[in-house]
Amino acid sequence: MKTHGTVVFICEKYYLRFYRPLAERLFQSGFRPVWITVDGPDQWEFDYLDPRPVIEALVNSPDLKCRPSIDDLCTLERVAFDRPDVFKNNYQFTTTVVRTLERARRLAEVWHRATLAFIIRFQPKAVFVWNGRYLPYSAVSAACATAGQLMLTSEIGWLPGTIFLDQGPLSAGTTDLLGRGVESTSSADAARVEAFLTDYTTLKATMVSQTLVSPSAVRQQLLGADGKFLLLYGCQVDWDTNVIIGARRFRSNESAVSFLLECMSAVPGARLVVKTHPLDSEKNEAALQAIIGTRGTVVSDIHPHTLIEAADCVSVRNSTLGFETLCYRKPLLLLEHAKYRHDKLTLDARDAADGAASLARVSAKRCDLPDPAALQQFILHVLDRYLVPVGYRYFFEPDKLGILSHLQRNQSFQALEQLLRRDASPPAVGADDEVLRALEQSDFRHADWRASFFRRIRTLSRRTSD
């Protein structure tokens, strides 16, 4: 089989659940996947390298000098060591390997140099990293940018079994790997969109699993005797990197809730319901309820889709709940930049007056967002070009993966292969000779020939049956 080049995955073994399908697909297309492990070996059918002993030796070297700019790669770590109880269950590499801010600086320096050495050694068509905003991925990302190396960044997608795949740092929009945006979708297939939205809202294809109850009963309960307008706010977890690093204005749920209460002042009979996140390691219902007082309530055990159906309007910073709201065709008030932000889909809240005007517009039934035609175009772009279906299981019931049937026309894999086959200028890499020599001694394992043989048989079988 012709080899089109090497692709390198640098990640903890936890993220292989998302990357194995990508690696298998790329192998079938003639690429050579190599995994560089961050926290030890795991099941992986392809070549892999374990640089941990070398990384640790270099970090502990008394001769290591860190550049002042290396501090820019340790943004999350500075927060994590100030609040270890929040992060210990979510960034175990940070708490068990990085351990201190000084070690964070040294690890960032070493991983930056090591990445340049990996680029020289493997000459990859692309380097894949997860998120790219915390160590070691922030250092890997910076090194790729320094060298001009194509890097692809991933995060969990909006639909069960999907991921995002962006060129360079995580995108604030939904531009696909070939540079196409929502507006480039030439025709909106209304029937396909309706079929997807019907299945999505029927299956309740959320990324979490909670009890479903009657939306009308929930609405009546939450509005009470005097309520007329129900605004839903969906919390994000305190350890979300989009909050820690990416937030522009609201770095806590408390600040977002206080802002929304100010926006609600001009809407008669407005009530706020705050939905806590089921994965939040820091339970703060009491603190949120104290802010809301008698103007609303905090809930934790009601399915988010039930709450969306019950609400008149939904507000988020940039969470998946926003995408879910659009799928229910409900007005969506954004507090931060989000991938689904669009003039014809979402409402703005640039300040309290702007947010109040948007809520008044919804309350008076003068809101025409999301625009039906724009929503069709957005959904088709997301299904066909942007989300990458990889079929992993997560905190949802396995039957939720049935929603992937609507991604049969998805072009994400083809776009990835097309991107990797493009002729590009070789990276301008200048690596540390000492690091290069040291990494040559790292544990490198070639794929087992029997696994490789049976993989080729499966590939051939698939191609002949298509």
Protein backbone atom coordinates (compact mmCIF):
# COMPACT_ATOMS: atom_id res chain seq x y z
CA MET A 1 0.00 0.00 0.00
CA LYS A 2 1.35 3.43 -0.95
CA THR A 3 2.36 5.59 1.99
CA HIS A 4 1.29 9.24 1.88
CA GLY A 5 3.23 10.23 4.98
CA THR A 6 3.16 10.13 8.76
CA VAL A 7 0.55 11.68 11.04
CA VAL A 8 1.45 12.15 14.70
CA PHE A 9 -1.00 12.03 17.61
CA ILE A 10 0.28 13.51 20.89
CA CYS A 11 -2.14 12.80 23.72
CA GLU A 12 -2.99 11.02 26.92
CA LYS A 13 -4.35 7.51 26.49
CA TYR A 14 -7.83 8.70 27.55
CA TYR A 15 -8.15 10.55 24.22
CA LEU A 16 -7.41 7.48 22.11
CA ARG A 17 -11.14 6.67 22.23
CA PHE A 18 -11.59 9.67 19.93
CA TYR A 19 -8.43 9.26 17.86
CA ARG A 20 -8.46 5.52 17.10
CA PRO A 21 -11.21 5.89 14.44
CA LEU A 22 -9.28 8.77 12.84
CA ALA A 23 -6.05 6.77 12.86
CA GLU A 24 -7.76 3.71 11.37
CA ARG A 25 -9.34 5.78 8.60
CA LEU A 26 -6.03 7.49 7.80
CA PHE A 27 -4.22 4.15 7.78
CA GLN A 28 -6.77 2.84 5.28
CA SER A 29 -5.99 5.85 3.10
CA GLY A 30 -2.25 5.17 3.14
CA PHE A 31 -1.02 7.31 6.02
CA ARG A 32 1.20 6.10 8.86
CA PRO A 33 -0.25 6.97 12.29
CA VAL A 34 2.22 7.38 15.16
CA TRP A 35 1.10 7.98 18.73
CA ILE A 36 3.40 9.85 21.12
CA THR A 37 2.12 8.94 24.55
CA VAL A 38 1.92 11.47 27.36
CA ASP A 39 0.97 9.17 30.25
CA GLY A 40 1.98 5.65 29.27
CA PRO A 41 1.08 2.90 26.76
CA ASP A 42 -2.38 1.65 25.91
CA GLN A 43 -4.09 -0.41 23.21
CA TRP A 44 -2.94 1.08 19.90
CA GLU A 45 -2.59 -0.88 16.68
CA PHE A 46 -0.01 1.40 15.15
CA ASP A 47 3.51 2.65 15.92
CA TYR A 48 3.99 4.56 19.14
CA LEU A 49 6.75 6.29 21.07
CA ASP A 50 6.98 6.72 24.85
CA PRO A 51 9.20 9.75 25.61
CA ARG A 52 8.36 10.04 29.32
CA PRO A 53 11.74 8.99 30.80
CA VAL A 54 13.56 11.38 28.49
CA ILE A 55 11.10 14.21 29.18
CA GLU A 56 11.50 13.71 32.93
CA ALA A 57 15.30 13.60 32.73
CA LEU A 58 15.37 16.83 30.74
CA VAL A 59 12.94 18.54 33.13
CA ASN A 60 15.17 17.61 36.08
CA SER A 61 18.39 18.70 34.37
CA PRO A 62 20.12 21.51 36.30
CA ASP A 63 21.24 22.96 32.96
CA LEU A 64 17.70 23.56 31.67
CA LYS A 65 17.00 27.23 31.00
CA CYS A 66 13.42 28.40 30.44
CA ARG A 67 12.63 31.38 28.25
CA PRO A 68 10.48 34.14 29.84
CA SER A 69 7.83 33.60 27.15
CA ILE A 70 7.27 30.04 28.40
CA ASP A 71 4.96 31.46 31.10
CA ASP A 72 2.37 32.11 28.39
CA LEU A 73 1.97 28.33 27.99
CA CYS A 74 1.04 27.79 31.65
CA THR A 75 -2.19 29.80 31.93
CA LEU A 76 -4.37 26.89 33.04
CA GLU A 77 -1.70 25.56 35.39
CA ARG A 78 -1.55 28.86 37.30
CA VAL A 79 -5.29 28.57 37.95
CA ALA A 80 -5.12 24.84 38.72
CA PHE A 81 -2.54 25.19 41.46
CA ASP A 82 -4.56 27.99 43.06
CA ARG A 83 -7.68 25.75 43.14
CA PRO A 84 -6.44 22.13 43.27
CA ASP A 85 -9.72 20.66 44.55
CA VAL A 86 -11.57 21.81 41.42
CA PHE A 87 -9.03 20.37 39.00
CA LYS A 88 -7.73 17.18 40.58
CA ASN A 89 -10.39 14.96 38.97
CA ASN A 90 -10.28 16.61 35.56
CA TYR A 91 -6.64 17.38 34.77
CA GLN A 92 -4.82 14.48 36.34
CA PHE A 93 -1.69 15.12 34.27
CA THR A 94 -1.59 18.58 35.81
CA THR A 95 -1.97 17.43 39.40
CA THR A 96 0.10 14.23 39.24
CA VAL A 97 2.84 15.04 36.69
CA VAL A 98 3.13 18.82 36.53
CA ARG A 99 2.58 19.19 40.31
CA THR A 100 3.93 22.75 40.75
CA LEU A 101 4.02 25.95 38.73
CA GLU A 102 7.81 25.85 38.53
CA ARG A 103 7.66 22.30 37.10
CA ALA A 104 4.98 23.56 34.70
CA ARG A 105 7.44 26.07 33.27
CA ARG A 106 10.14 23.42 32.91
CA LEU A 107 7.75 20.90 31.34
CA ALA A 108 6.54 23.53 28.89
CA GLU A 109 10.11 24.28 27.85
CA VAL A 110 11.00 20.61 27.44
CA TRP A 111 7.83 19.67 25.54
CA HIS A 112 8.35 22.65 23.24
CA ARG A 113 11.87 21.47 22.40
CA ALA A 114 10.77 17.83 22.19
CA THR A 115 8.01 18.67 19.72
CA LEU A 116 10.51 20.34 17.39
CA ALA A 117 12.59 17.17 17.63
CA PHE A 118 9.54 15.01 16.83
CA ILE A 119 8.85 17.16 13.76
CA ILE A 120 12.40 16.59 12.52
CA ARG A 121 12.30 12.87 13.26
CA PHE A 122 8.89 12.01 11.80
CA GLN A 123 8.40 14.86 9.29
CA PRO A 124 4.64 14.56 9.85
CA LYS A 125 1.95 15.72 7.49
CA ALA A 126 0.09 16.88 10.61
CA VAL A 127 0.28 16.81 14.40
CA PHE A 128 -2.96 16.11 16.28
CA VAL A 129 -3.42 17.41 19.83
CA TRP A 130 -6.39 17.52 22.19
CA ASN A 131 -7.63 21.01 23.10
CA GLY A 132 -4.18 22.63 22.98
CA ARG A 133 -4.75 24.97 25.92
CA TYR A 134 -2.98 23.16 28.76
CA LEU A 135 0.25 21.23 29.22
CA PRO A 136 1.73 19.45 27.44
CA TYR A 137 -0.58 20.37 24.53
CA SER A 138 -0.08 24.12 24.89
CA ALA A 139 3.68 23.59 24.45
CA VAL A 140 3.14 21.24 21.50
CA SER A 141 0.83 23.79 19.86
CA ALA A 142 3.33 26.61 20.35
CA ALA A 143 6.14 24.52 18.87
CA CYS A 144 4.05 23.66 15.82
CA ALA A 145 3.27 27.35 15.33
CA THR A 146 6.96 28.20 15.65
CA ALA A 147 7.91 25.62 13.02
CA GLY A 148 5.01 26.25 10.64
CA GLN A 149 3.87 22.65 11.17
CA LEU A 150 0.23 21.83 10.37
CA MET A 151 -1.54 21.11 13.65
CA LEU A 152 -5.10 19.86 14.15
CA THR A 153 -6.90 20.48 17.43
CA SER A 154 -9.83 18.46 18.75
CA GLU A 155 -12.59 18.64 21.33
CA ILE A 156 -15.82 16.74 22.01
CA GLY A 157 -18.53 17.74 19.52
CA TRP A 158 -22.15 18.75 20.07
CA LEU A 159 -23.60 15.37 19.08
CA PRO A 160 -22.90 12.06 20.84
CA GLY A 161 -20.12 10.23 19.02
CA THR A 162 -18.65 13.32 17.31
CA ILE A 163 -15.64 15.57 17.75
CA PHE A 164 -14.54 18.96 16.44
CA LEU A 165 -11.40 19.03 14.31
CA ASP A 166 -9.91 22.47 13.66
CA GLN A 167 -6.78 23.67 11.90
CA GLY A 168 -4.49 25.29 14.42
CA PRO A 169 -5.98 26.50 17.71
CA LEU A 170 -9.59 25.65 18.48
CA SER A 171 -11.76 27.75 16.21
CA ALA A 172 -14.37 30.19 17.48
CA GLY A 173 -16.52 29.28 14.47
CA THR A 174 -17.41 26.29 12.32
CA THR A 175 -15.04 26.79 9.41
CA ASP A 176 -14.16 23.30 8.18
CA LEU A 177 -10.73 21.89 7.34
CA LEU A 178 -10.93 23.17 3.77
CA GLY A 179 -11.80 26.69 4.89
CA ARG A 180 -15.52 26.52 4.15
CA GLY A 181 -17.96 28.35 6.41
CA VAL A 182 -21.70 28.09 6.95
CA GLU A 183 -22.47 30.56 4.17
CA SER A 184 -20.73 28.35 1.60
CA THR A 185 -23.41 25.67 1.94
CA SER A 186 -25.02 26.13 -1.47
CA SER A 187 -28.38 24.47 -0.90
CA ALA A 188 -30.35 23.83 2.26
CA ASP A 189 -32.08 20.45 2.10
CA ALA A 190 -35.13 21.16 4.26
CA ALA A 191 -36.23 17.51 4.37
CA ARG A 192 -32.87 16.31 5.70
CA VAL A 193 -32.75 19.06 8.30
CA GLU A 194 -36.28 18.32 9.48
CA ALA A 195 -35.51 14.61 9.73
CA PHE A 196 -32.43 15.32 11.82
CA LEU A 197 -34.15 17.81 14.12
CA THR A 198 -37.10 15.48 14.63
CA ASP A 199 -34.83 12.59 15.56
CA TYR A 200 -32.58 14.80 17.69
CA THR A 201 -35.42 16.22 19.75
CA THR A 202 -37.17 12.83 19.97
CA LEU A 203 -34.05 10.92 21.03
CA LYS A 204 -33.01 13.78 23.34
CA ALA A 205 -29.51 13.20 21.98
CA THR A 206 -27.71 15.16 24.67
CA MET A 207 -24.19 14.41 25.91
CA VAL A 208 -25.50 13.70 29.43
CA SER A 209 -28.15 11.39 30.86
CA GLN A 210 -30.87 12.71 33.17
CA THR A 211 -34.53 12.02 33.90
CA LEU A 212 -37.12 13.28 31.41
CA VAL A 213 -40.30 14.87 32.77
CA SER A 214 -43.19 16.90 31.37
CA PRO A 215 -42.04 20.30 30.00
CA SER A 216 -45.46 21.88 30.69
CA ALA A 217 -45.43 20.70 34.29
CA VAL A 218 -41.86 21.95 34.73
CA ARG A 219 -42.77 25.32 33.24
CA GLN A 220 -45.74 25.72 35.57
CA GLN A 221 -43.63 24.72 38.56
CA LEU A 222 -40.77 27.09 37.72
CA LEU A 223 -42.92 30.10 36.83
CA GLY A 224 -45.04 29.85 39.97
CA ALA A 225 -48.21 31.84 40.44
CA ASP A 226 -46.95 35.20 39.15
CA GLY A 227 -44.34 34.28 36.54
CA LYS A 228 -44.92 35.02 32.85
CA PHE A 229 -41.51 34.65 31.18
CA LEU A 230 -39.01 31.86 31.82
CA LEU A 231 -35.31 32.39 31.06
CA LEU A 232 -33.03 29.35 31.29
CA TYR A 233 -29.30 29.68 31.98
CA GLY A 234 -27.07 26.61 31.60
CA CYS A 235 -24.02 26.48 33.85
CA GLN A 236 -20.63 25.41 32.59
CA VAL A 237 -18.15 23.52 34.72
CA ASP A 238 -15.55 25.60 36.51
CA TRP A 239 -12.73 23.57 34.97
CA ASP A 240 -13.81 24.07 31.33
CA THR A 241 -10.86 25.57 29.45
CA ASN A 242 -13.30 27.71 27.45
CA VAL A 243 -14.10 29.39 30.78
CA ILE A 244 -10.63 29.45 32.34
CA ILE A 245 -8.82 30.66 29.23
CA GLY A 246 -11.37 31.54 26.58
CA ALA A 247 -13.87 33.63 28.56
CA ARG A 248 -14.00 37.29 27.58
CA ARG A 249 -16.29 38.61 30.32
CA PHE A 250 -17.82 35.87 32.46
CA ARG A 251 -15.33 33.60 34.21
CA SER A 252 -17.86 32.21 36.67
CA ASN A 253 -21.48 31.12 36.64
CA GLU A 254 -22.15 33.58 39.46
CA SER A 255 -21.09 36.56 37.33
CA ALA A 256 -23.20 35.37 34.39
CA VAL A 257 -26.27 34.88 36.60
CA SER A 258 -25.88 38.35 38.14
CA PHE A 259 -25.69 39.85 34.64
CA LEU A 260 -28.82 38.02 33.48
CA LEU A 261 -30.79 39.22 36.52
CA GLU A 262 -29.90 42.77 35.50
CA CYS A 263 -31.02 42.09 31.92
CA MET A 264 -34.33 40.63 33.16
CA SER A 265 -35.33 43.76 35.09
CA ALA A 266 -37.21 45.23 32.13
CA VAL A 267 -39.28 42.08 31.48
CA PRO A 268 -42.50 41.84 33.55
CA GLY A 269 -42.96 38.51 35.30
CA ALA A 270 -39.53 37.21 34.30
CA ARG A 271 -38.18 34.23 36.21
CA LEU A 272 -34.68 32.74 35.92
CA VAL A 273 -33.98 29.02 36.16
CA VAL A 274 -30.32 28.06 36.47
CA LYS A 275 -29.38 24.53 35.42
CA THR A 276 -26.24 23.22 37.09
CA HIS A 277 -23.86 21.07 35.07
CA PRO A 278 -23.99 17.34 36.00
CA LEU A 279 -20.19 17.02 35.78
CA ASP A 280 -19.38 20.01 37.98
CA SER A 281 -17.02 18.97 40.75
CA GLU A 282 -17.79 22.09 42.77
CA LYS A 283 -21.42 22.09 43.89
CA ASN A 284 -22.50 25.69 44.39
CA GLU A 285 -26.30 25.58 44.18
CA ALA A 286 -26.62 27.49 47.46
CA ALA A 287 -24.37 30.33 46.28
CA LEU A 288 -26.29 30.65 43.01
CA GLN A 289 -29.66 30.56 44.77
CA ALA A 290 -28.50 33.30 47.12
CA ILE A 291 -27.76 35.52 44.10
CA ILE A 292 -31.13 34.78 42.47
CA GLY A 293 -33.19 35.17 45.64
CA THR A 294 -36.93 35.12 44.90
CA ARG A 295 -36.50 35.85 41.19
CA GLY A 296 -35.92 32.25 40.16
CA THR A 297 -34.48 28.93 41.17
CA VAL A 298 -31.56 26.54 40.72
CA VAL A 299 -32.19 23.00 39.46
CA SER A 300 -29.84 20.07 39.06
CA ASP A 301 -31.94 16.98 38.33
CA ILE A 302 -34.07 17.99 35.34
CA HIS A 303 -33.04 16.94 31.84
CA PRO A 304 -31.66 19.95 29.89
CA HIS A 305 -33.94 19.26 26.93
CA THR A 306 -36.97 19.37 29.21
CA LEU A 307 -35.86 22.77 30.45
CA ILE A 308 -35.26 24.05 26.91
CA GLU A 309 -38.80 23.03 25.94
CA ALA A 310 -40.21 24.72 29.05
CA ALA A 311 -38.30 27.99 28.62
CA ASP A 312 -39.20 31.09 26.59
CA CYS A 313 -35.52 31.91 26.03
CA VAL A 314 -32.18 30.25 26.81
CA SER A 315 -28.90 31.94 27.68
CA VAL A 316 -25.41 30.41 27.69
CA ARG A 317 -21.82 31.50 27.63
CA ASN A 318 -20.73 29.05 24.91
CA SER A 319 -21.85 25.57 26.00
CA THR A 320 -23.44 22.65 24.11
CA LEU A 321 -26.77 23.74 25.57
CA GLY A 322 -26.71 26.56 23.03
CA PHE A 323 -26.56 24.16 20.09
CA GLU A 324 -29.33 22.10 21.69
CA THR A 325 -31.45 25.25 22.01
CA LEU A 326 -31.09 26.00 18.30
CA CYS A 327 -32.20 22.44 17.53
CA TYR A 328 -35.41 23.21 19.43
CA ARG A 329 -35.73 26.48 17.49
CA LYS A 330 -35.77 28.51 20.70
CA PRO A 331 -34.35 32.06 21.07
CA LEU A 332 -30.75 31.92 22.29
CA LEU A 333 -29.03 34.80 24.13
CA LEU A 334 -25.22 34.55 23.99
CA LEU A 335 -22.99 35.95 26.72
CA GLU A 336 -19.68 34.93 25.09
CA HIS A 337 -18.43 34.04 21.63
CA ALA A 338 -19.52 30.57 20.57
CA LYS A 339 -19.13 28.42 17.47
CA TYR A 340 -22.83 28.83 16.69
CA ARG A 341 -22.85 32.64 17.04
CA HIS A 342 -24.58 34.11 13.98
CA ASP A 343 -26.60 37.27 13.37
CA LYS A 344 -29.49 35.20 12.02
CA LEU A 345 -29.36 32.52 14.72
CA THR A 346 -28.52 34.11 18.07
CA LEU A 347 -29.28 37.17 20.18
CA ASP A 348 -26.57 39.43 21.60
CA ALA A 349 -25.91 40.78 25.08
CA ARG A 350 -22.99 43.13 24.59
CA ASP A 351 -24.01 44.87 27.81
CA ALA A 352 -26.98 44.80 30.19
CA ALA A 353 -29.01 47.24 28.07
CA ASP A 354 -28.43 45.15 24.95
CA GLY A 355 -29.34 41.96 26.81
CA ALA A 356 -32.49 43.59 28.20
CA ALA A 357 -33.53 44.69 24.70
CA SER A 358 -33.05 41.15 23.39
CA LEU A 359 -35.14 39.65 26.21
CA ALA A 360 -37.85 42.28 25.73
CA ARG A 361 -37.94 41.36 22.05
CA VAL A 362 -38.53 37.70 22.94
CA SER A 363 -41.07 38.53 25.64
CA ALA A 364 -43.10 40.70 23.24
CA LYS A 365 -42.98 37.87 20.66
CA ARG A 366 -41.09 40.09 18.23
CA CYS A 367 -38.12 37.72 17.97
CA ASP A 368 -37.72 35.94 14.63
CA LEU A 369 -34.53 34.05 15.59
CA PRO A 370 -33.33 31.52 14.80
CA ASP A 371 -34.12 32.30 11.18
CA PRO A 372 -35.44 29.07 9.55
CA ALA A 373 -33.35 29.34 6.38
CA ALA A 374 -30.16 30.18 8.30
CA LEU A 375 -30.80 27.31 10.71
CA GLN A 376 -31.18 24.86 7.82
CA GLN A 377 -27.93 26.04 6.31
CA PHE A 378 -26.13 25.86 9.68
CA ILE A 379 -27.38 22.34 10.48
CA LEU A 380 -26.40 20.98 7.06
CA HIS A 381 -22.94 22.53 7.29
CA VAL A 382 -22.41 21.03 10.74
CA LEU A 383 -23.66 17.57 9.72
CA ASP A 384 -21.95 17.38 6.34
CA ARG A 385 -18.68 19.25 6.83
CA TYR A 386 -17.79 20.23 10.36
CA LEU A 387 -18.55 17.58 12.97
CA VAL A 388 -16.41 14.44 12.67
CA PRO A 389 -18.29 11.19 13.43
CA VAL A 390 -16.03 8.82 15.40
CA GLY A 391 -18.65 6.83 17.33
CA TYR A 392 -17.20 6.93 20.86
CA ARG A 393 -19.29 6.31 23.97
CA TYR A 394 -19.30 8.84 26.76
CA PHE A 395 -21.75 9.89 29.51
CA PHE A 396 -24.78 9.14 27.34
CA GLU A 397 -26.79 5.98 26.67
CA PRO A 398 -25.40 3.96 23.71
CA ASP A 399 -28.69 4.29 21.81
CA LYS A 400 -28.01 8.03 21.47
CA LEU A 401 -25.41 7.11 18.83
CA GLY A 402 -28.32 6.45 16.48
CA ILE A 403 -28.23 10.18 15.71
CA LEU A 404 -25.03 9.51 13.70
CA SER A 405 -27.18 8.03 10.94
CA HIS A 406 -27.78 11.62 9.84
CA LEU A 407 -24.06 12.07 9.13
CA GLN A 408 -24.01 9.59 6.22
CA ARG A 409 -23.09 12.40 3.81
CA ASN A 410 -20.40 13.76 6.11
CA GLN A 411 -17.27 14.90 4.25
CA SER A 412 -15.00 15.52 7.25
CA PHE A 413 -12.79 12.48 6.66
CA GLN A 414 -12.42 13.27 2.98
CA ALA A 415 -11.59 16.89 3.78
CA LEU A 416 -8.96 15.71 6.26
CA GLU A 417 -7.35 13.41 3.70
CA GLN A 418 -7.45 16.15 1.07
CA LEU A 419 -5.78 18.57 3.48
CA LEU A 420 -3.03 16.09 4.37
CA ARG A 421 -2.27 15.36 0.71
CA ARG A 422 -1.68 19.00 -0.15
CA ASP A 423 1.87 19.99 -1.01
CA ALA A 424 3.18 22.28 1.69
CA SER A 425 6.45 23.98 2.49
CA PRO A 426 8.52 21.91 4.92
CA PRO A 427 8.47 23.21 8.52
CA ALA A 428 11.33 25.54 9.44
CA VAL A 429 12.62 23.57 12.40
CA GLY A 430 15.69 24.21 14.47
CA ALA A 431 15.84 21.60 17.22
CA ASP A 432 18.11 21.19 20.24
CA ASP A 433 20.74 18.54 19.35
CA GLU A 434 20.83 17.26 22.92
CA VAL A 435 17.07 16.75 22.92
CA LEU A 436 17.20 15.07 19.51
CA ARG A 437 19.85 12.62 20.69
CA ALA A 438 18.02 11.91 23.93
CA LEU A 439 14.71 11.20 22.21
CA GLU A 440 16.41 8.78 19.86
CA GLN A 441 16.77 6.58 22.95
CA SER A 442 13.03 6.71 23.74
CA ASP A 443 10.99 3.52 23.71
CA PHE A 444 9.67 3.20 20.14
CA ARG A 445 7.30 0.33 19.36
CA HIS A 446 6.38 -0.73 15.86
CA ALA A 447 2.88 -2.03 15.17
CA ASP A 448 2.54 -5.77 15.61
CA TRP A 449 2.79 -7.31 12.15
CA ARG A 450 -0.14 -9.68 12.79
CA ALA A 451 -2.42 -6.83 13.83
CA SER A 452 -1.27 -4.91 10.77
CA PHE A 453 -1.96 -7.91 8.52
CA PHE A 454 -5.50 -8.42 9.79
CA ARG A 455 -6.13 -4.69 9.59
CA ARG A 456 -5.20 -4.76 5.90
CA ILE A 457 -7.54 -7.72 5.39
CA ARG A 458 -10.40 -5.80 7.02
CA THR A 459 -9.62 -2.78 4.88
CA LEU A 460 -9.63 -4.83 1.68
CA SER A 461 -12.88 -6.50 2.71
CA ARG A 462 -14.55 -3.14 3.30
CA ARG A 463 -13.41 -1.78 -0.06
CA THR A 464 -14.61 -4.81 -2.01
CA SER A 465 -18.00 -4.73 -0.28
CA ASP A 466 -18.59 -1.00 -0.96
